[in-house]
Amino acid sequence: MSKRLRGVFAAVATASTADREIDCARSIALARYLLSNGCDGLNVLGTTGEATSFSLGQRRQLMTAYAQAGLPLGRCMVGTGAAAVGDAIALTQHAADLGFAAALVLPPFYYKGVPDDGLVAYVDAILSATAAKPIPLYLYHFPAQSGVPWHPKLVRRLLETFGQRLVGLKDSSGDMSYAREVAAISPDFDVFPSTEAVLLEARDGAFAGCISATANLNADLCGRAWRDGDKTAYEKAVAIRKLFDGKALVPGIKAALAHVHRDADWKRLMPPFALFPDADSKEVVAGYDRVRAT
């Protein structure tokens, strides 16, 4: 199995073009920047990366571009979950063929209230199809978006059924009691909450680190908090995250990236997202600059 992933992971944003294609050059430049400025790794094509707004071919294109650019795929997990099991298999196989460290798998999210047996069958299909190149799998728990939870009893069943191929979970629920419960299932099951606010707790061994949208903007601070226990850096990182409370997170991240990198094209979003409101953008940018100035 691959080396266990640990530390600060940005749920890295995906740049897009005016005609709604993936802008691979900008996306790769951001990936390089983050890996050189505090990130231990990247979560490619997750929610912040607008994965489910891109086609199967577009997602494969960006994955291939990462590999061709020589990015360290051993430090990257990539989102491969899909509503159709065949698409999830194709994406996971592509990730395995390219050498990504792991695949991050949403449940099949269109049908709600499905039985556990159906979700087990979904995971089984992906694992069986990738048995020749056994890429590790992380479950992606985001019930507010997917409407389909990886609940603790099901996680335990999946671990008992599939063993070492299932290595962890990204928890975007915001429910820390849930995160702690699934982390306690096995010492070999690595849980990444979706906020940098857990980093000091994670340093003590409760979690494997964090996978955060706002690490697109504060990776250097997160890195110092994780590696050095720097409480000032930690407080600044959390303050930057709080700027987005009550706001549209993905459009906000891209608006802030446009400010940080002085590149207005980062504001582009795939439907159904709309541009971040000007008032919110001014508030976030001013707050970001204020945190950075202290």
Protein backbone atom coordinates (compact mmCIF):
# COMPACT_ATOMS: atom_id res chain seq x y z
CA MET A 1 0.00 0.00 0.00
CA SER A 2 1.02 3.63 -0.48
CA LYS A 3 2.54 5.70 2.28
CA ARG A 4 -0.18 7.06 4.56
CA LEU A 5 -1.15 10.62 3.77
CA ARG A 6 -0.82 13.16 6.55
CA GLY A 7 -1.04 16.87 7.18
CA VAL A 8 -2.43 19.89 5.38
CA PHE A 9 -4.29 19.22 2.14
CA ALA A 10 -5.89 21.95 0.08
CA ALA A 11 -9.14 21.04 -1.59
CA VAL A 12 -7.60 22.70 -4.59
CA ALA A 13 -9.66 24.93 -6.86
CA THR A 14 -9.94 24.17 -10.58
CA ALA A 15 -9.51 27.02 -13.04
CA SER A 16 -11.89 27.16 -15.98
CA THR A 17 -11.95 28.97 -19.30
CA ALA A 18 -14.54 31.33 -20.71
CA ASP A 19 -16.02 28.46 -22.73
CA ARG A 20 -16.37 26.22 -19.66
CA GLU A 21 -13.38 23.98 -20.23
CA ILE A 22 -10.73 23.20 -17.62
CA ASP A 23 -7.83 25.64 -17.65
CA CYS A 24 -5.10 23.11 -17.01
CA ALA A 25 -2.25 25.62 -17.03
CA ARG A 26 -3.74 27.80 -14.29
CA SER A 27 -4.84 24.76 -12.30
CA ILE A 28 -1.37 23.24 -12.38
CA ALA A 29 0.28 26.56 -11.47
CA LEU A 30 -1.91 26.79 -8.38
CA ALA A 31 -1.12 23.18 -7.45
CA ARG A 32 2.62 23.86 -7.66
CA TYR A 33 2.26 27.02 -5.61
CA LEU A 34 0.33 25.29 -2.83
CA LEU A 35 2.70 22.32 -2.66
CA SER A 36 5.59 24.75 -2.32
CA ASN A 37 3.89 26.96 0.25
CA GLY A 38 2.64 24.82 3.12
CA CYS A 39 0.56 21.99 1.70
CA ASP A 40 1.62 18.43 2.40
CA GLY A 41 -0.70 17.33 -0.38
CA LEU A 42 -3.72 18.17 -2.49
CA ASN A 43 -7.27 16.94 -2.86
CA VAL A 44 -7.79 17.32 -6.60
CA LEU A 45 -11.28 17.50 -8.10
CA GLY A 46 -13.22 17.69 -4.89
CA THR A 47 -16.13 19.96 -4.08
CA THR A 48 -13.99 23.11 -4.15
CA GLY A 49 -12.55 21.82 -7.42
CA GLU A 50 -16.11 21.75 -8.83
CA ALA A 51 -15.61 18.11 -9.87
CA THR A 52 -19.27 17.24 -10.33
CA SER A 53 -19.72 20.22 -12.66
CA PHE A 54 -17.19 18.78 -15.10
CA SER A 55 -17.71 15.90 -17.49
CA LEU A 56 -15.99 12.56 -17.18
CA GLY A 57 -13.66 13.53 -20.02
CA GLN A 58 -12.78 16.86 -18.45
CA ARG A 59 -11.98 15.24 -15.12
CA ARG A 60 -9.73 12.70 -16.83
CA GLN A 61 -8.09 15.55 -18.74
CA LEU A 62 -7.07 17.39 -15.58
CA MET A 63 -5.83 14.21 -13.93
CA THR A 64 -3.68 13.47 -16.98
CA ALA A 65 -2.40 17.06 -17.02
CA TYR A 66 -1.25 16.69 -13.42
CA ALA A 67 0.73 13.61 -14.37
CA GLN A 68 2.20 15.13 -17.53
CA ALA A 69 3.25 18.22 -15.58
CA GLY A 70 5.29 16.06 -13.24
CA LEU A 71 3.34 17.00 -10.14
CA PRO A 72 3.99 14.66 -7.19
CA LEU A 73 0.93 12.42 -7.54
CA GLY A 74 2.06 10.48 -4.47
CA ARG A 75 0.97 13.56 -2.49
CA CYS A 76 -2.41 13.87 -4.20
CA MET A 77 -5.77 12.21 -3.68
CA VAL A 78 -8.30 12.75 -6.43
CA GLY A 79 -12.08 12.77 -6.36
CA THR A 80 -13.49 9.89 -8.41
CA GLY A 81 -17.00 9.46 -7.02
CA ALA A 82 -19.95 9.77 -9.39
CA ALA A 83 -23.67 9.10 -9.55
CA ALA A 84 -23.04 6.35 -12.12
CA VAL A 85 -20.91 3.49 -10.86
CA GLY A 86 -19.37 3.04 -14.32
CA ASP A 87 -18.11 6.64 -14.24
CA ALA A 88 -16.71 6.16 -10.73
CA ILE A 89 -14.91 3.03 -11.90
CA ALA A 90 -13.49 4.75 -14.99
CA LEU A 91 -12.19 7.70 -12.97
CA THR A 92 -10.72 5.49 -10.25
CA GLN A 93 -9.00 3.29 -12.82
CA HIS A 94 -7.55 6.39 -14.47
CA ALA A 95 -6.29 7.65 -11.11
CA ALA A 96 -4.67 4.28 -10.43
CA ASP A 97 -3.07 4.12 -13.89
CA LEU A 98 -1.58 7.60 -13.48
CA GLY A 99 -0.22 6.91 -9.99
CA PHE A 100 -2.34 9.12 -7.74
CA ALA A 101 -1.86 8.28 -4.06
CA ALA A 102 -5.54 7.66 -3.45
CA ALA A 103 -9.07 8.12 -4.73
CA LEU A 104 -11.68 10.08 -2.76
CA VAL A 105 -15.12 8.60 -3.34
CA LEU A 106 -18.46 10.30 -2.92
CA PRO A 107 -21.44 7.98 -2.56
CA PRO A 108 -23.71 7.74 -5.63
CA PHE A 109 -25.63 10.89 -4.82
CA TYR A 110 -28.76 11.09 -6.94
CA TYR A 111 -30.93 8.49 -5.21
CA LYS A 112 -31.56 9.22 -1.53
CA GLY A 113 -32.49 6.82 1.24
CA VAL A 114 -30.76 3.90 -0.44
CA PRO A 115 -29.97 0.76 1.60
CA ASP A 116 -26.51 0.04 2.92
CA ASP A 117 -26.36 -3.04 0.70
CA GLY A 118 -26.50 -0.78 -2.36
CA LEU A 119 -23.66 1.41 -1.09
CA VAL A 120 -21.58 -1.66 -0.29
CA ALA A 121 -22.18 -2.87 -3.85
CA TYR A 122 -21.01 0.49 -5.19
CA VAL A 123 -17.74 0.33 -3.25
CA ASP A 124 -17.30 -3.34 -4.15
CA ALA A 125 -17.66 -2.55 -7.85
CA ILE A 126 -14.97 0.15 -7.69
CA LEU A 127 -12.57 -1.99 -5.68
CA SER A 128 -13.07 -5.07 -7.84
CA ALA A 129 -12.48 -3.11 -11.02
CA THR A 130 -9.21 -1.69 -9.68
CA ALA A 131 -7.89 -4.87 -8.07
CA ALA A 132 -5.01 -5.13 -10.55
CA LYS A 133 -3.80 -1.67 -9.50
CA PRO A 134 -5.14 -1.41 -5.94
CA ILE A 135 -5.32 2.33 -5.40
CA PRO A 136 -6.32 3.18 -1.80
CA LEU A 137 -9.80 4.60 -1.31
CA TYR A 138 -11.01 7.36 1.00
CA LEU A 139 -14.73 7.83 1.57
CA TYR A 140 -16.06 11.35 1.13
CA HIS A 141 -18.73 12.19 3.71
CA PHE A 142 -20.61 15.36 2.81
CA PRO A 143 -24.29 14.65 3.47
CA ALA A 144 -25.33 18.31 3.16
CA GLN A 145 -24.37 18.11 -0.51
CA SER A 146 -24.66 14.43 -1.44
CA GLY A 147 -27.72 13.63 0.67
CA VAL A 148 -26.21 10.17 1.21
CA PRO A 149 -24.14 9.66 4.38
CA TRP A 150 -21.35 7.23 5.04
CA HIS A 151 -22.73 6.58 8.53
CA PRO A 152 -20.51 4.97 11.18
CA LYS A 153 -22.18 1.54 11.10
CA LEU A 154 -21.72 1.43 7.31
CA VAL A 155 -18.10 2.59 7.56
CA ARG A 156 -17.40 -0.22 10.01
CA ARG A 157 -19.06 -2.74 7.68
CA LEU A 158 -17.05 -1.51 4.71
CA LEU A 159 -13.80 -1.79 6.67
CA GLU A 160 -14.65 -5.29 7.80
CA THR A 161 -15.56 -6.27 4.23
CA PHE A 162 -12.80 -4.61 2.23
CA GLY A 163 -9.94 -4.23 4.68
CA GLN A 164 -6.82 -2.38 3.68
CA ARG A 165 -8.09 -0.92 0.41
CA LEU A 166 -10.32 1.43 2.41
CA VAL A 167 -7.86 3.70 4.17
CA GLY A 168 -9.77 6.73 5.43
CA LEU A 169 -12.48 9.35 5.13
CA LYS A 170 -12.81 13.04 4.43
CA ASP A 171 -15.48 14.51 6.69
CA SER A 172 -17.14 17.67 5.41
CA SER A 173 -20.16 17.38 7.69
CA GLY A 174 -18.81 19.78 10.29
CA ASP A 175 -19.98 17.31 12.95
CA MET A 176 -16.92 16.68 15.09
CA SER A 177 -18.63 13.96 17.10
CA TYR A 178 -19.10 12.06 13.85
CA ALA A 179 -15.46 12.64 12.87
CA ARG A 180 -14.23 11.33 16.20
CA GLU A 181 -16.55 8.32 16.06
CA VAL A 182 -15.36 7.14 12.66
CA ALA A 183 -11.73 7.89 13.52
CA ALA A 184 -12.09 5.59 16.51
CA ILE A 185 -13.21 2.62 14.40
CA SER A 186 -9.62 1.65 13.61
CA PRO A 187 -6.16 3.13 14.19
CA ASP A 188 -5.46 2.37 10.54
CA PHE A 189 -8.44 4.42 9.30
CA ASP A 190 -7.38 8.02 8.67
CA VAL A 191 -9.95 10.79 9.03
CA PHE A 192 -9.43 14.27 7.57
CA PRO A 193 -11.95 16.88 8.76
CA SER A 194 -12.58 19.69 6.30
CA THR A 195 -11.39 22.57 8.45
CA GLU A 196 -7.99 23.81 9.59
CA ALA A 197 -9.55 24.46 12.99
CA VAL A 198 -8.73 20.81 13.86
CA LEU A 199 -5.02 21.05 13.10
CA LEU A 200 -3.74 21.34 16.66
CA GLU A 201 -5.99 18.47 17.72
CA ALA A 202 -4.78 16.50 14.70
CA ARG A 203 -1.15 17.04 15.75
CA ASP A 204 -2.00 15.15 18.93
CA GLY A 205 -3.12 12.18 16.86
CA ALA A 206 -6.90 12.56 16.76
CA PHE A 207 -6.96 13.00 12.98
CA ALA A 208 -4.64 12.60 10.00
CA GLY A 209 -4.72 16.33 9.28
CA CYS A 210 -7.24 18.43 7.38
CA ILE A 211 -8.52 18.82 3.84
CA SER A 212 -9.67 22.40 3.59
CA ALA A 213 -11.06 24.69 0.90
CA THR A 214 -9.51 27.71 2.55
CA ALA A 215 -6.07 26.09 2.42
CA ASN A 216 -6.08 27.50 -1.12
CA LEU A 217 -5.50 30.82 0.68
CA ASN A 218 -3.76 30.07 3.98
CA ALA A 219 -1.65 26.97 3.31
CA ASP A 220 1.50 28.60 4.66
CA LEU A 221 -0.21 29.35 7.97
CA CYS A 222 -1.76 25.89 8.12
CA GLY A 223 1.61 24.33 7.44
CA ARG A 224 3.23 26.18 10.33
CA ALA A 225 0.38 25.19 12.63
CA TRP A 226 0.63 21.53 11.63
CA ARG A 227 4.39 21.13 11.57
CA ASP A 228 5.41 23.48 14.37
CA GLY A 229 2.31 23.85 16.52
CA ASP A 230 2.54 27.60 15.83
CA LYS A 231 -0.53 28.99 17.60
CA THR A 232 -0.29 32.43 16.02
CA ALA A 233 -0.25 30.91 12.54
CA TYR A 234 -3.11 28.65 13.56
CA GLU A 235 -5.22 31.57 14.77
CA LYS A 236 -4.58 33.49 11.55
CA ALA A 237 -5.48 30.45 9.43
CA VAL A 238 -8.74 30.02 11.32
CA ALA A 239 -9.48 33.74 11.03
CA ILE A 240 -9.17 33.51 7.25
CA ARG A 241 -11.56 30.57 7.18
CA LYS A 242 -14.09 32.48 9.29
CA LEU A 243 -14.22 35.20 6.63
CA PHE A 244 -16.36 32.82 4.57
CA ASP A 245 -18.91 32.00 7.28
CA GLY A 246 -22.41 32.41 5.87
CA LYS A 247 -21.09 33.01 2.35
CA ALA A 248 -20.91 30.91 -0.82
CA LEU A 249 -17.67 29.07 -0.20
CA VAL A 250 -16.55 27.94 -3.65
CA PRO A 251 -17.27 31.25 -5.42
CA GLY A 252 -15.66 33.01 -2.47
CA ILE A 253 -12.49 30.94 -2.66
CA LYS A 254 -12.15 31.70 -6.37
CA ALA A 255 -12.77 35.42 -5.84
CA ALA A 256 -10.08 35.44 -3.15
CA LEU A 257 -7.69 33.51 -5.39
CA ALA A 258 -8.19 36.18 -8.06
CA HIS A 259 -7.15 38.78 -5.46
CA VAL A 260 -4.19 36.84 -4.05
CA HIS A 261 -2.76 35.92 -7.45
CA ARG A 262 -3.83 39.14 -9.18
CA ASP A 263 -5.59 37.17 -11.88
CA ALA A 264 -9.26 37.96 -12.49
CA ASP A 265 -9.73 34.79 -14.53
CA TRP A 266 -9.72 32.83 -11.28
CA LYS A 267 -13.21 34.21 -10.63
CA ARG A 268 -14.67 32.00 -13.35
CA LEU A 269 -17.07 29.32 -12.16
CA MET A 270 -18.90 26.43 -13.70
CA PRO A 271 -22.71 26.43 -13.63
CA PRO A 272 -24.67 26.25 -11.38
CA PHE A 273 -22.38 28.55 -9.39
CA ALA A 274 -22.67 32.30 -9.88
CA LEU A 275 -20.05 34.99 -9.31
CA PHE A 276 -19.35 35.91 -5.71
CA PRO A 277 -21.33 39.08 -4.85
CA ASP A 278 -19.26 42.26 -4.97
CA ALA A 279 -20.12 43.22 -1.38
CA ASP A 280 -19.03 39.80 -0.10
CA SER A 281 -15.88 39.94 -2.20
CA LYS A 282 -14.87 43.33 -0.81
CA GLU A 283 -15.50 42.11 2.73
CA VAL A 284 -13.49 38.93 2.29
CA VAL A 285 -10.59 40.63 0.52
CA ALA A 286 -10.38 43.35 3.15
CA GLY A 287 -10.49 40.77 5.92
CA TYR A 288 -7.84 38.63 4.23
CA ASP A 289 -5.51 41.56 3.78
CA ARG A 290 -6.07 42.59 7.39
CA VAL A 291 -5.16 39.13 8.71
CA ARG A 292 -2.08 39.00 6.50
CA ALA A 293 -0.93 42.45 7.65
CA THR A 294 -0.87 41.55 11.35
